[in-house]
mmCIF file of all heavy atoms, coordinates in Angstrom:
data_MODEL
# 
_entry.id   MODEL 
# 
loop_
_atom_site.group_PDB 
_atom_site.id 
_atom_site.type_symbol 
_atom_site.label_atom_id 
_atom_site.label_alt_id 
_atom_site.label_comp_id 
_atom_site.label_asym_id 
_atom_site.label_entity_id 
_atom_site.label_seq_id 
_atom_site.pdbx_PDB_ins_code 
_atom_site.Cartn_x 
_atom_site.Cartn_y 
_atom_site.Cartn_z 
_atom_site.occupancy 
_atom_site.B_iso_or_equiv 
_atom_site.pdbx_formal_charge 
_atom_site.auth_seq_id 
_atom_site.auth_comp_id 
_atom_site.auth_asym_id 
_atom_site.auth_atom_id 
_atom_site.pdbx_PDB_model_num 
ATOM 1   N N   . VAL A 1 1  ? -2.999 -9.382  -4.584  1.00 0.00 ? 1  VAL A N   1 
ATOM 2   C CA  . VAL A 1 1  ? -2.449 -8.582  -5.682  1.00 0.00 ? 1  VAL A CA  1 
ATOM 3   C C   . VAL A 1 1  ? -3.226 -7.274  -5.794  1.00 0.00 ? 1  VAL A C   1 
ATOM 4   O O   . VAL A 1 1  ? -4.451 -7.271  -5.890  1.00 0.00 ? 1  VAL A O   1 
ATOM 5   C CB  . VAL A 1 1  ? -2.522 -9.352  -7.017  1.00 0.00 ? 1  VAL A CB  1 
ATOM 6   C CG1 . VAL A 1 1  ? -1.894 -8.528  -8.138  1.00 0.00 ? 1  VAL A CG1 1 
ATOM 7   C CG2 . VAL A 1 1  ? -1.826 -10.703 -6.902  1.00 0.00 ? 1  VAL A CG2 1 
ATOM 8   N N   . LEU A 1 2  ? -2.507 -6.162  -5.774  1.00 0.00 ? 2  LEU A N   1 
ATOM 9   C CA  . LEU A 1 2  ? -3.109 -4.842  -5.957  1.00 0.00 ? 2  LEU A CA  1 
ATOM 10  C C   . LEU A 1 2  ? -2.516 -4.234  -7.232  1.00 0.00 ? 2  LEU A C   1 
ATOM 11  O O   . LEU A 1 2  ? -1.295 -4.062  -7.326  1.00 0.00 ? 2  LEU A O   1 
ATOM 12  C CB  . LEU A 1 2  ? -2.827 -3.935  -4.757  1.00 0.00 ? 2  LEU A CB  1 
ATOM 13  C CG  . LEU A 1 2  ? -3.496 -4.318  -3.430  1.00 0.00 ? 2  LEU A CG  1 
ATOM 14  C CD1 . LEU A 1 2  ? -2.669 -5.351  -2.676  1.00 0.00 ? 2  LEU A CD1 1 
ATOM 15  C CD2 . LEU A 1 2  ? -3.687 -3.090  -2.559  1.00 0.00 ? 2  LEU A CD2 1 
ATOM 16  N N   . ARG A 1 3  ? -3.376 -3.928  -8.195  1.00 0.00 ? 3  ARG A N   1 
ATOM 17  C CA  . ARG A 1 3  ? -2.917 -3.363  -9.473  1.00 0.00 ? 3  ARG A CA  1 
ATOM 18  C C   . ARG A 1 3  ? -3.275 -1.885  -9.508  1.00 0.00 ? 3  ARG A C   1 
ATOM 19  O O   . ARG A 1 3  ? -4.442 -1.521  -9.686  1.00 0.00 ? 3  ARG A O   1 
ATOM 20  C CB  . ARG A 1 3  ? -3.542 -4.109  -10.651 1.00 0.00 ? 3  ARG A CB  1 
ATOM 21  C CG  . ARG A 1 3  ? -3.055 -3.650  -12.028 1.00 0.00 ? 3  ARG A CG  1 
ATOM 22  C CD  . ARG A 1 3  ? -3.374 -4.711  -13.061 1.00 0.00 ? 3  ARG A CD  1 
ATOM 23  N NE  . ARG A 1 3  ? -2.696 -5.956  -12.754 1.00 0.00 ? 3  ARG A NE  1 
ATOM 24  C CZ  . ARG A 1 3  ? -3.034 -7.140  -13.278 1.00 0.00 ? 3  ARG A CZ  1 
ATOM 25  N NH1 . ARG A 1 3  ? -4.038 -7.232  -14.133 1.00 0.00 ? 3  ARG A NH1 1 
ATOM 26  N NH2 . ARG A 1 3  ? -2.361 -8.228  -12.932 1.00 0.00 ? 3  ARG A NH2 1 
ATOM 27  N N   . PRO A 1 4  ? -2.300 -0.999  -9.345  1.00 0.00 ? 4  PRO A N   1 
ATOM 28  C CA  . PRO A 1 4  ? -2.597 0.441   -9.283  1.00 0.00 ? 4  PRO A CA  1 
ATOM 29  C C   . PRO A 1 4  ? -3.164 0.962   -10.602 1.00 0.00 ? 4  PRO A C   1 
ATOM 30  O O   . PRO A 1 4  ? -2.745 0.546   -11.686 1.00 0.00 ? 4  PRO A O   1 
ATOM 31  C CB  . PRO A 1 4  ? -1.228 1.072   -8.995  1.00 0.00 ? 4  PRO A CB  1 
ATOM 32  C CG  . PRO A 1 4  ? -0.381 -0.050  -8.460  1.00 0.00 ? 4  PRO A CG  1 
ATOM 33  C CD  . PRO A 1 4  ? -0.874 -1.280  -9.139  1.00 0.00 ? 4  PRO A CD  1 
ATOM 34  N N   . GLU A 1 5  ? -4.125 1.864   -10.470 1.00 0.00 ? 5  GLU A N   1 
ATOM 35  C CA  . GLU A 1 5  ? -4.666 2.548   -11.649 1.00 0.00 ? 5  GLU A CA  1 
ATOM 36  C C   . GLU A 1 5  ? -3.608 3.506   -12.203 1.00 0.00 ? 5  GLU A C   1 
ATOM 37  O O   . GLU A 1 5  ? -2.630 3.859   -11.536 1.00 0.00 ? 5  GLU A O   1 
ATOM 38  C CB  . GLU A 1 5  ? -5.911 3.343   -11.266 1.00 0.00 ? 5  GLU A CB  1 
ATOM 39  C CG  . GLU A 1 5  ? -7.114 2.491   -10.901 1.00 0.00 ? 5  GLU A CG  1 
ATOM 40  C CD  . GLU A 1 5  ? -7.887 2.015   -12.123 1.00 0.00 ? 5  GLU A CD  1 
ATOM 41  O OE1 . GLU A 1 5  ? -7.409 2.254   -13.259 1.00 0.00 ? 5  GLU A OE1 1 
ATOM 42  O OE2 . GLU A 1 5  ? -8.960 1.420   -11.951 1.00 0.00 ? 5  GLU A OE2 1 
ATOM 43  N N   . GLU A 1 6  ? -3.813 3.942   -13.431 1.00 0.00 ? 6  GLU A N   1 
ATOM 44  C CA  . GLU A 1 6  ? -2.940 4.944   -14.044 1.00 0.00 ? 6  GLU A CA  1 
ATOM 45  C C   . GLU A 1 6  ? -2.940 6.201   -13.170 1.00 0.00 ? 6  GLU A C   1 
ATOM 46  O O   . GLU A 1 6  ? -3.993 6.716   -12.792 1.00 0.00 ? 6  GLU A O   1 
ATOM 47  C CB  . GLU A 1 6  ? -3.442 5.294   -15.454 1.00 0.00 ? 6  GLU A CB  1 
ATOM 48  C CG  . GLU A 1 6  ? -2.507 6.188   -16.242 1.00 0.00 ? 6  GLU A CG  1 
ATOM 49  C CD  . GLU A 1 6  ? -1.243 5.462   -16.684 1.00 0.00 ? 6  GLU A CD  1 
ATOM 50  O OE1 . GLU A 1 6  ? -1.302 4.227   -16.850 1.00 0.00 ? 6  GLU A OE1 1 
ATOM 51  O OE2 . GLU A 1 6  ? -0.211 6.142   -16.852 1.00 0.00 ? 6  GLU A OE2 1 
ATOM 52  N N   . GLY A 1 7  ? -1.746 6.658   -12.800 1.00 0.00 ? 7  GLY A N   1 
ATOM 53  C CA  . GLY A 1 7  ? -1.632 7.822   -11.941 1.00 0.00 ? 7  GLY A CA  1 
ATOM 54  C C   . GLY A 1 7  ? -1.352 7.481   -10.486 1.00 0.00 ? 7  GLY A C   1 
ATOM 55  O O   . GLY A 1 7  ? -1.114 8.382   -9.676  1.00 0.00 ? 7  GLY A O   1 
ATOM 56  N N   . ILE A 1 8  ? -1.386 6.221   -10.158 1.00 0.00 ? 8  ILE A N   1 
ATOM 57  C CA  . ILE A 1 8  ? -1.038 5.773   -8.806  1.00 0.00 ? 8  ILE A CA  1 
ATOM 58  C C   . ILE A 1 8  ? 0.334  5.112   -8.872  1.00 0.00 ? 8  ILE A C   1 
ATOM 59  O O   . ILE A 1 8  ? 0.532  4.134   -9.611  1.00 0.00 ? 8  ILE A O   1 
ATOM 60  C CB  . ILE A 1 8  ? -2.071 4.779   -8.240  1.00 0.00 ? 8  ILE A CB  1 
ATOM 61  C CG1 . ILE A 1 8  ? -3.469 5.410   -8.241  1.00 0.00 ? 8  ILE A CG1 1 
ATOM 62  C CG2 . ILE A 1 8  ? -1.672 4.335   -6.840  1.00 0.00 ? 8  ILE A CG2 1 
ATOM 63  C CD1 . ILE A 1 8  ? -3.597 6.628   -7.357  1.00 0.00 ? 8  ILE A CD1 1 
ATOM 64  N N   . GLU A 1 9  ? 1.298  5.635   -8.139  1.00 0.00 ? 9  GLU A N   1 
ATOM 65  C CA  . GLU A 1 9  ? 2.669  5.128   -8.131  1.00 0.00 ? 9  GLU A CA  1 
ATOM 66  C C   . GLU A 1 9  ? 2.738  3.818   -7.325  1.00 0.00 ? 9  GLU A C   1 
ATOM 67  O O   . GLU A 1 9  ? 2.428  3.804   -6.129  1.00 0.00 ? 9  GLU A O   1 
ATOM 68  C CB  . GLU A 1 9  ? 3.602  6.171   -7.510  1.00 0.00 ? 9  GLU A CB  1 
ATOM 69  C CG  . GLU A 1 9  ? 5.001  5.695   -7.205  1.00 0.00 ? 9  GLU A CG  1 
ATOM 70  C CD  . GLU A 1 9  ? 5.763  5.255   -8.445  1.00 0.00 ? 9  GLU A CD  1 
ATOM 71  O OE1 . GLU A 1 9  ? 5.824  6.045   -9.410  1.00 0.00 ? 9  GLU A OE1 1 
ATOM 72  O OE2 . GLU A 1 9  ? 6.285  4.128   -8.426  1.00 0.00 ? 9  GLU A OE2 1 
ATOM 73  N N   . PRO A 1 10 ? 3.127  2.696   -7.970  1.00 0.00 ? 10 PRO A N   1 
ATOM 74  C CA  . PRO A 1 10 ? 3.178  1.409   -7.254  1.00 0.00 ? 10 PRO A CA  1 
ATOM 75  C C   . PRO A 1 10 ? 4.083  1.453   -6.022  1.00 0.00 ? 10 PRO A C   1 
ATOM 76  O O   . PRO A 1 10 ? 3.759  0.870   -4.983  1.00 0.00 ? 10 PRO A O   1 
ATOM 77  C CB  . PRO A 1 10 ? 3.705  0.434   -8.312  1.00 0.00 ? 10 PRO A CB  1 
ATOM 78  C CG  . PRO A 1 10 ? 3.338  1.055   -9.624  1.00 0.00 ? 10 PRO A CG  1 
ATOM 79  C CD  . PRO A 1 10 ? 3.446  2.535   -9.406  1.00 0.00 ? 10 PRO A CD  1 
ATOM 80  N N   . ARG A 1 11 ? 5.234  2.125   -6.126  1.00 0.00 ? 11 ARG A N   1 
ATOM 81  C CA  . ARG A 1 11 ? 6.148  2.184   -4.985  1.00 0.00 ? 11 ARG A CA  1 
ATOM 82  C C   . ARG A 1 11 ? 5.505  2.899   -3.806  1.00 0.00 ? 11 ARG A C   1 
ATOM 83  O O   . ARG A 1 11 ? 5.697  2.518   -2.652  1.00 0.00 ? 11 ARG A O   1 
ATOM 84  C CB  . ARG A 1 11 ? 7.446  2.879   -5.383  1.00 0.00 ? 11 ARG A CB  1 
ATOM 85  C CG  . ARG A 1 11 ? 8.291  2.133   -6.408  1.00 0.00 ? 11 ARG A CG  1 
ATOM 86  C CD  . ARG A 1 11 ? 9.482  2.990   -6.817  1.00 0.00 ? 11 ARG A CD  1 
ATOM 87  N NE  . ARG A 1 11 ? 9.042  4.245   -7.436  1.00 0.00 ? 11 ARG A NE  1 
ATOM 88  C CZ  . ARG A 1 11 ? 9.794  5.339   -7.536  1.00 0.00 ? 11 ARG A CZ  1 
ATOM 89  N NH1 . ARG A 1 11 ? 11.026 5.345   -7.039  1.00 0.00 ? 11 ARG A NH1 1 
ATOM 90  N NH2 . ARG A 1 11 ? 9.329  6.431   -8.118  1.00 0.00 ? 11 ARG A NH2 1 
ATOM 91  N N   . TRP A 1 12 ? 4.747  3.961   -4.107  1.00 0.00 ? 12 TRP A N   1 
ATOM 92  C CA  . TRP A 1 12 ? 4.039  4.703   -3.062  1.00 0.00 ? 12 TRP A CA  1 
ATOM 93  C C   . TRP A 1 12 ? 3.039  3.793   -2.367  1.00 0.00 ? 12 TRP A C   1 
ATOM 94  O O   . TRP A 1 12 ? 2.941  3.775   -1.138  1.00 0.00 ? 12 TRP A O   1 
ATOM 95  C CB  . TRP A 1 12 ? 3.348  5.909   -3.707  1.00 0.00 ? 12 TRP A CB  1 
ATOM 96  C CG  . TRP A 1 12 ? 2.481  6.696   -2.771  1.00 0.00 ? 12 TRP A CG  1 
ATOM 97  C CD1 . TRP A 1 12 ? 2.864  7.721   -1.962  1.00 0.00 ? 12 TRP A CD1 1 
ATOM 98  C CD2 . TRP A 1 12 ? 1.079  6.528   -2.562  1.00 0.00 ? 12 TRP A CD2 1 
ATOM 99  N NE1 . TRP A 1 12 ? 1.788  8.194   -1.252  1.00 0.00 ? 12 TRP A NE1 1 
ATOM 100 C CE2 . TRP A 1 12 ? 0.674  7.470   -1.604  1.00 0.00 ? 12 TRP A CE2 1 
ATOM 101 C CE3 . TRP A 1 12 ? 0.113  5.653   -3.093  1.00 0.00 ? 12 TRP A CE3 1 
ATOM 102 C CZ2 . TRP A 1 12 ? -0.638 7.583   -1.160  1.00 0.00 ? 12 TRP A CZ2 1 
ATOM 103 C CZ3 . TRP A 1 12 ? -1.191 5.757   -2.661  1.00 0.00 ? 12 TRP A CZ3 1 
ATOM 104 C CH2 . TRP A 1 12 ? -1.555 6.712   -1.703  1.00 0.00 ? 12 TRP A CH2 1 
ATOM 105 N N   . MET A 1 13 ? 2.311  2.992   -3.149  1.00 0.00 ? 13 MET A N   1 
ATOM 106 C CA  . MET A 1 13 ? 1.308  2.103   -2.579  1.00 0.00 ? 13 MET A CA  1 
ATOM 107 C C   . MET A 1 13 ? 1.959  1.024   -1.709  1.00 0.00 ? 13 MET A C   1 
ATOM 108 O O   . MET A 1 13 ? 1.481  0.717   -0.605  1.00 0.00 ? 13 MET A O   1 
ATOM 109 C CB  . MET A 1 13 ? 0.495  1.441   -3.695  1.00 0.00 ? 13 MET A CB  1 
ATOM 110 C CG  . MET A 1 13 ? -0.579 0.483   -3.185  1.00 0.00 ? 13 MET A CG  1 
ATOM 111 S SD  . MET A 1 13 ? -1.511 -0.278  -4.532  1.00 0.00 ? 13 MET A SD  1 
ATOM 112 C CE  . MET A 1 13 ? -2.508 1.118   -5.043  1.00 0.00 ? 13 MET A CE  1 
ATOM 113 N N   . ALA A 1 14 ? 3.068  0.451   -2.192  1.00 0.00 ? 14 ALA A N   1 
ATOM 114 C CA  . ALA A 1 14 ? 3.743  -0.603  -1.428  1.00 0.00 ? 14 ALA A CA  1 
ATOM 115 C C   . ALA A 1 14 ? 4.259  -0.067  -0.098  1.00 0.00 ? 14 ALA A C   1 
ATOM 116 O O   . ALA A 1 14 ? 4.129  -0.722  0.950   1.00 0.00 ? 14 ALA A O   1 
ATOM 117 C CB  . ALA A 1 14 ? 4.886  -1.193  -2.248  1.00 0.00 ? 14 ALA A CB  1 
ATOM 118 N N   . GLN A 1 15 ? 4.856  1.130   -0.114  1.00 0.00 ? 15 GLN A N   1 
ATOM 119 C CA  . GLN A 1 15 ? 5.374  1.708   1.130   1.00 0.00 ? 15 GLN A CA  1 
ATOM 120 C C   . GLN A 1 15 ? 4.248  2.056   2.090   1.00 0.00 ? 15 GLN A C   1 
ATOM 121 O O   . GLN A 1 15 ? 4.398  1.951   3.312   1.00 0.00 ? 15 GLN A O   1 
ATOM 122 C CB  . GLN A 1 15 ? 6.207  2.949   0.821   1.00 0.00 ? 15 GLN A CB  1 
ATOM 123 C CG  . GLN A 1 15 ? 7.499  2.668   0.054   1.00 0.00 ? 15 GLN A CG  1 
ATOM 124 C CD  . GLN A 1 15 ? 8.521  1.914   0.903   1.00 0.00 ? 15 GLN A CD  1 
ATOM 125 O OE1 . GLN A 1 15 ? 8.291  1.591   2.057   1.00 0.00 ? 15 GLN A OE1 1 
ATOM 126 N NE2 . GLN A 1 15 ? 9.674  1.633   0.315   1.00 0.00 ? 15 GLN A NE2 1 
ATOM 127 N N   . LEU A 1 16 ? 3.105  2.441   1.564   1.00 0.00 ? 16 LEU A N   1 
ATOM 128 C CA  . LEU A 1 16 ? 1.954  2.721   2.409   1.00 0.00 ? 16 LEU A CA  1 
ATOM 129 C C   . LEU A 1 16 ? 1.554  1.474   3.198   1.00 0.00 ? 16 LEU A C   1 
ATOM 130 O O   . LEU A 1 16 ? 1.255  1.536   4.400   1.00 0.00 ? 16 LEU A O   1 
ATOM 131 C CB  . LEU A 1 16 ? 0.784  3.197   1.549   1.00 0.00 ? 16 LEU A CB  1 
ATOM 132 C CG  . LEU A 1 16 ? -0.560 3.373   2.269   1.00 0.00 ? 16 LEU A CG  1 
ATOM 133 C CD1 . LEU A 1 16 ? -0.515 4.612   3.152   1.00 0.00 ? 16 LEU A CD1 1 
ATOM 134 C CD2 . LEU A 1 16 ? -1.702 3.471   1.268   1.00 0.00 ? 16 LEU A CD2 1 
ATOM 135 N N   . LEU A 1 17 ? 1.566  0.321   2.530   1.00 0.00 ? 17 LEU A N   1 
ATOM 136 C CA  . LEU A 1 17 ? 1.156  -0.926  3.182   1.00 0.00 ? 17 LEU A CA  1 
ATOM 137 C C   . LEU A 1 17 ? 2.163  -1.400  4.222   1.00 0.00 ? 17 LEU A C   1 
ATOM 138 O O   . LEU A 1 17 ? 1.852  -2.273  5.033   1.00 0.00 ? 17 LEU A O   1 
ATOM 139 C CB  . LEU A 1 17 ? 0.949  -2.021  2.127   1.00 0.00 ? 17 LEU A CB  1 
ATOM 140 C CG  . LEU A 1 17 ? -0.140 -1.759  1.085   1.00 0.00 ? 17 LEU A CG  1 
ATOM 141 C CD1 . LEU A 1 17 ? -0.241 -2.929  0.125   1.00 0.00 ? 17 LEU A CD1 1 
ATOM 142 C CD2 . LEU A 1 17 ? -1.481 -1.480  1.750   1.00 0.00 ? 17 LEU A CD2 1 
ATOM 143 N N   . LEU A 1 18 ? 3.381  -0.840  4.197   1.00 0.00 ? 18 LEU A N   1 
ATOM 144 C CA  . LEU A 1 18 ? 4.405  -1.241  5.153   1.00 0.00 ? 18 LEU A CA  1 
ATOM 145 C C   . LEU A 1 18 ? 4.340  -0.456  6.458   1.00 0.00 ? 18 LEU A C   1 
ATOM 146 O O   . LEU A 1 18 ? 5.083  -0.744  7.391   1.00 0.00 ? 18 LEU A O   1 
ATOM 147 C CB  . LEU A 1 18 ? 5.798  -1.082  4.527   1.00 0.00 ? 18 LEU A CB  1 
ATOM 148 C CG  . LEU A 1 18 ? 6.135  -2.109  3.442   1.00 0.00 ? 18 LEU A CG  1 
ATOM 149 C CD1 . LEU A 1 18 ? 7.409  -1.726  2.721   1.00 0.00 ? 18 LEU A CD1 1 
ATOM 150 C CD2 . LEU A 1 18 ? 6.265  -3.507  4.046   1.00 0.00 ? 18 LEU A CD2 1 
ATOM 151 N N   . ARG A 1 19 ? 3.460  0.537   6.524   1.00 0.00 ? 19 ARG A N   1 
ATOM 152 C CA  . ARG A 1 19 ? 3.304  1.279   7.779   1.00 0.00 ? 19 ARG A CA  1 
ATOM 153 C C   . ARG A 1 19 ? 2.759  0.353   8.854   1.00 0.00 ? 19 ARG A C   1 
ATOM 154 O O   . ARG A 1 19 ? 1.875  -0.481  8.607   1.00 0.00 ? 19 ARG A O   1 
ATOM 155 C CB  . ARG A 1 19 ? 2.361  2.465   7.575   1.00 0.00 ? 19 ARG A CB  1 
ATOM 156 C CG  . ARG A 1 19 ? 2.970  3.594   6.781   1.00 0.00 ? 19 ARG A CG  1 
ATOM 157 C CD  . ARG A 1 19 ? 1.976  4.694   6.501   1.00 0.00 ? 19 ARG A CD  1 
ATOM 158 N NE  . ARG A 1 19 ? 1.228  5.103   7.700   1.00 0.00 ? 19 ARG A NE  1 
ATOM 159 C CZ  . ARG A 1 19 ? 0.431  6.169   7.737   1.00 0.00 ? 19 ARG A CZ  1 
ATOM 160 N NH1 . ARG A 1 19 ? 0.295  6.932   6.657   1.00 0.00 ? 19 ARG A NH1 1 
ATOM 161 N NH2 . ARG A 1 19 ? -0.218 6.483   8.831   1.00 0.00 ? 19 ARG A NH2 1 
ATOM 162 N N   . HIS A 1 20 ? 3.278  0.481   10.072  1.00 0.00 ? 20 HIS A N   1 
ATOM 163 C CA  . HIS A 1 20 ? 2.846  -0.383  11.170  1.00 0.00 ? 20 HIS A CA  1 
ATOM 164 C C   . HIS A 1 20 ? 1.366  -0.217  11.479  1.00 0.00 ? 20 HIS A C   1 
ATOM 165 O O   . HIS A 1 20 ? 0.678  -1.200  11.813  1.00 0.00 ? 20 HIS A O   1 
ATOM 166 C CB  . HIS A 1 20 ? 3.685  -0.110  12.421  1.00 0.00 ? 20 HIS A CB  1 
ATOM 167 C CG  . HIS A 1 20 ? 5.003  -0.817  12.399  1.00 0.00 ? 20 HIS A CG  1 
ATOM 168 N ND1 . HIS A 1 20 ? 5.952  -0.653  13.379  1.00 0.00 ? 20 HIS A ND1 1 
ATOM 169 C CD2 . HIS A 1 20 ? 5.525  -1.710  11.526  1.00 0.00 ? 20 HIS A CD2 1 
ATOM 170 C CE1 . HIS A 1 20 ? 7.006  -1.403  13.107  1.00 0.00 ? 20 HIS A CE1 1 
ATOM 171 N NE2 . HIS A 1 20 ? 6.779  -2.042  11.981  1.00 0.00 ? 20 HIS A NE2 1 
ATOM 172 N N   . ASP A 1 21 ? 0.840  1.014   11.367  1.00 0.00 ? 21 ASP A N   1 
ATOM 173 C CA  . ASP A 1 21 ? -0.574 1.191   11.683  1.00 0.00 ? 21 ASP A CA  1 
ATOM 174 C C   . ASP A 1 21 ? -1.456 0.472   10.672  1.00 0.00 ? 21 ASP A C   1 
ATOM 175 O O   . ASP A 1 21 ? -2.502 -0.089  11.034  1.00 0.00 ? 21 ASP A O   1 
ATOM 176 C CB  . ASP A 1 21 ? -0.932 2.679   11.761  1.00 0.00 ? 21 ASP A CB  1 
ATOM 177 C CG  . ASP A 1 21 ? -0.619 3.425   10.473  1.00 0.00 ? 21 ASP A CG  1 
ATOM 178 O OD1 . ASP A 1 21 ? 0.225  2.950   9.691   1.00 0.00 ? 21 ASP A OD1 1 
ATOM 179 O OD2 . ASP A 1 21 ? -1.216 4.498   10.252  1.00 0.00 ? 21 ASP A OD2 1 
ATOM 180 N N   . VAL A 1 22 ? -1.022 0.441   9.401   1.00 0.00 ? 22 VAL A N   1 
ATOM 181 C CA  . VAL A 1 22 ? -1.779 -0.294  8.385   1.00 0.00 ? 22 VAL A CA  1 
ATOM 182 C C   . VAL A 1 22 ? -1.696 -1.788  8.658   1.00 0.00 ? 22 VAL A C   1 
ATOM 183 O O   . VAL A 1 22 ? -2.703 -2.509  8.589   1.00 0.00 ? 22 VAL A O   1 
ATOM 184 C CB  . VAL A 1 22 ? -1.253 0.030   6.968   1.00 0.00 ? 22 VAL A CB  1 
ATOM 185 C CG1 . VAL A 1 22 ? -1.946 -0.845  5.926   1.00 0.00 ? 22 VAL A CG1 1 
ATOM 186 C CG2 . VAL A 1 22 ? -1.471 1.506   6.648   1.00 0.00 ? 22 VAL A CG2 1 
ATOM 187 N N   . ARG A 1 23 ? -0.498 -2.262  8.995   1.00 0.00 ? 23 ARG A N   1 
ATOM 188 C CA  . ARG A 1 23 ? -0.342 -3.692  9.282   1.00 0.00 ? 23 ARG A CA  1 
ATOM 189 C C   . ARG A 1 23 ? -1.127 -4.122  10.516  1.00 0.00 ? 23 ARG A C   1 
ATOM 190 O O   . ARG A 1 23 ? -1.697 -5.211  10.557  1.00 0.00 ? 23 ARG A O   1 
ATOM 191 C CB  . ARG A 1 23 ? 1.143  -4.034  9.453   1.00 0.00 ? 23 ARG A CB  1 
ATOM 192 C CG  . ARG A 1 23 ? 1.883  -4.188  8.121   1.00 0.00 ? 23 ARG A CG  1 
ATOM 193 C CD  . ARG A 1 23 ? 3.258  -4.740  8.327   1.00 0.00 ? 23 ARG A CD  1 
ATOM 194 N NE  . ARG A 1 23 ? 4.268  -3.694  8.345   1.00 0.00 ? 23 ARG A NE  1 
ATOM 195 C CZ  . ARG A 1 23 ? 5.559  -3.914  8.552   1.00 0.00 ? 23 ARG A CZ  1 
ATOM 196 N NH1 . ARG A 1 23 ? 5.993  -5.135  8.796   1.00 0.00 ? 23 ARG A NH1 1 
ATOM 197 N NH2 . ARG A 1 23 ? 6.420  -2.924  8.545   1.00 0.00 ? 23 ARG A NH2 1 
ATOM 198 N N   . ARG A 1 24 ? -1.160 -3.251  11.531  1.00 0.00 ? 24 ARG A N   1 
ATOM 199 C CA  . ARG A 1 24 ? -1.939 -3.600  12.728  1.00 0.00 ? 24 ARG A CA  1 
ATOM 200 C C   . ARG A 1 24 ? -3.432 -3.670  12.399  1.00 0.00 ? 24 ARG A C   1 
ATOM 201 O O   . ARG A 1 24 ? -4.146 -4.557  12.889  1.00 0.00 ? 24 ARG A O   1 
ATOM 202 C CB  . ARG A 1 24 ? -1.678 -2.574  13.829  1.00 0.00 ? 24 ARG A CB  1 
ATOM 203 C CG  . ARG A 1 24 ? -0.328 -2.747  14.506  1.00 0.00 ? 24 ARG A CG  1 
ATOM 204 C CD  . ARG A 1 24 ? -0.255 -1.920  15.790  1.00 0.00 ? 24 ARG A CD  1 
ATOM 205 N NE  . ARG A 1 24 ? -0.307 -0.488  15.508  1.00 0.00 ? 24 ARG A NE  1 
ATOM 206 C CZ  . ARG A 1 24 ? 0.768  0.270   15.351  1.00 0.00 ? 24 ARG A CZ  1 
ATOM 207 N NH1 . ARG A 1 24 ? 1.987  -0.270  15.420  1.00 0.00 ? 24 ARG A NH1 1 
ATOM 208 N NH2 . ARG A 1 24 ? 0.643  1.571   15.128  1.00 0.00 ? 24 ARG A NH2 1 
ATOM 209 N N   . SER A 1 25 ? -3.905 -2.750  11.570  1.00 0.00 ? 25 SER A N   1 
ATOM 210 C CA  . SER A 1 25 ? -5.309 -2.793  11.160  1.00 0.00 ? 25 SER A CA  1 
ATOM 211 C C   . SER A 1 25 ? -5.593 -4.053  10.352  1.00 0.00 ? 25 SER A C   1 
ATOM 212 O O   . SER A 1 25 ? -6.640 -4.700  10.522  1.00 0.00 ? 25 SER A O   1 
ATOM 213 C CB  . SER A 1 25 ? -5.661 -1.551  10.329  1.00 0.00 ? 25 SER A CB  1 
ATOM 214 O OG  . SER A 1 25 ? -5.532 -0.373  11.098  1.00 0.00 ? 25 SER A OG  1 
ATOM 215 N N   . ALA A 1 26 ? -4.660 -4.422  9.467   1.00 0.00 ? 26 ALA A N   1 
ATOM 216 C CA  . ALA A 1 26 ? -4.827 -5.644  8.674   1.00 0.00 ? 26 ALA A CA  1 
ATOM 217 C C   . ALA A 1 26 ? -4.878 -6.863  9.584   1.00 0.00 ? 26 ALA A C   1 
ATOM 218 O O   . ALA A 1 26 ? -5.676 -7.786  9.375   1.00 0.00 ? 26 ALA A O   1 
ATOM 219 C CB  . ALA A 1 26 ? -3.688 -5.766  7.665   1.00 0.00 ? 26 ALA A CB  1 
ATOM 220 N N   . GLN A 1 27 ? -4.032 -6.857  10.609  1.00 0.00 ? 27 GLN A N   1 
ATOM 221 C CA  . GLN A 1 27 ? -4.004 -7.991  11.543  1.00 0.00 ? 27 GLN A CA  1 
ATOM 222 C C   . GLN A 1 27 ? -5.333 -8.126  12.280  1.00 0.00 ? 27 GLN A C   1 
ATOM 223 O O   . GLN A 1 27 ? -5.833 -9.234  12.480  1.00 0.00 ? 27 GLN A O   1 
ATOM 224 C CB  . GLN A 1 27 ? -2.860 -7.810  12.536  1.00 0.00 ? 27 GLN A CB  1 
ATOM 225 C CG  . GLN A 1 27 ? -2.632 -9.006  13.455  1.00 0.00 ? 27 GLN A CG  1 
ATOM 226 C CD  . GLN A 1 27 ? -1.471 -8.783  14.394  1.00 0.00 ? 27 GLN A CD  1 
ATOM 227 O OE1 . GLN A 1 27 ? -1.210 -7.655  14.825  1.00 0.00 ? 27 GLN A OE1 1 
ATOM 228 N NE2 . GLN A 1 27 ? -0.739 -9.837  14.713  1.00 0.00 ? 27 GLN A NE2 1 
# 
């Protein structure tokens, strides 16, 4: 669970995590 601080758009954060390079790093 990631709870964005005030001023951080949740949708922006979720889409960031869907990038393949982020997922490969997570893997």
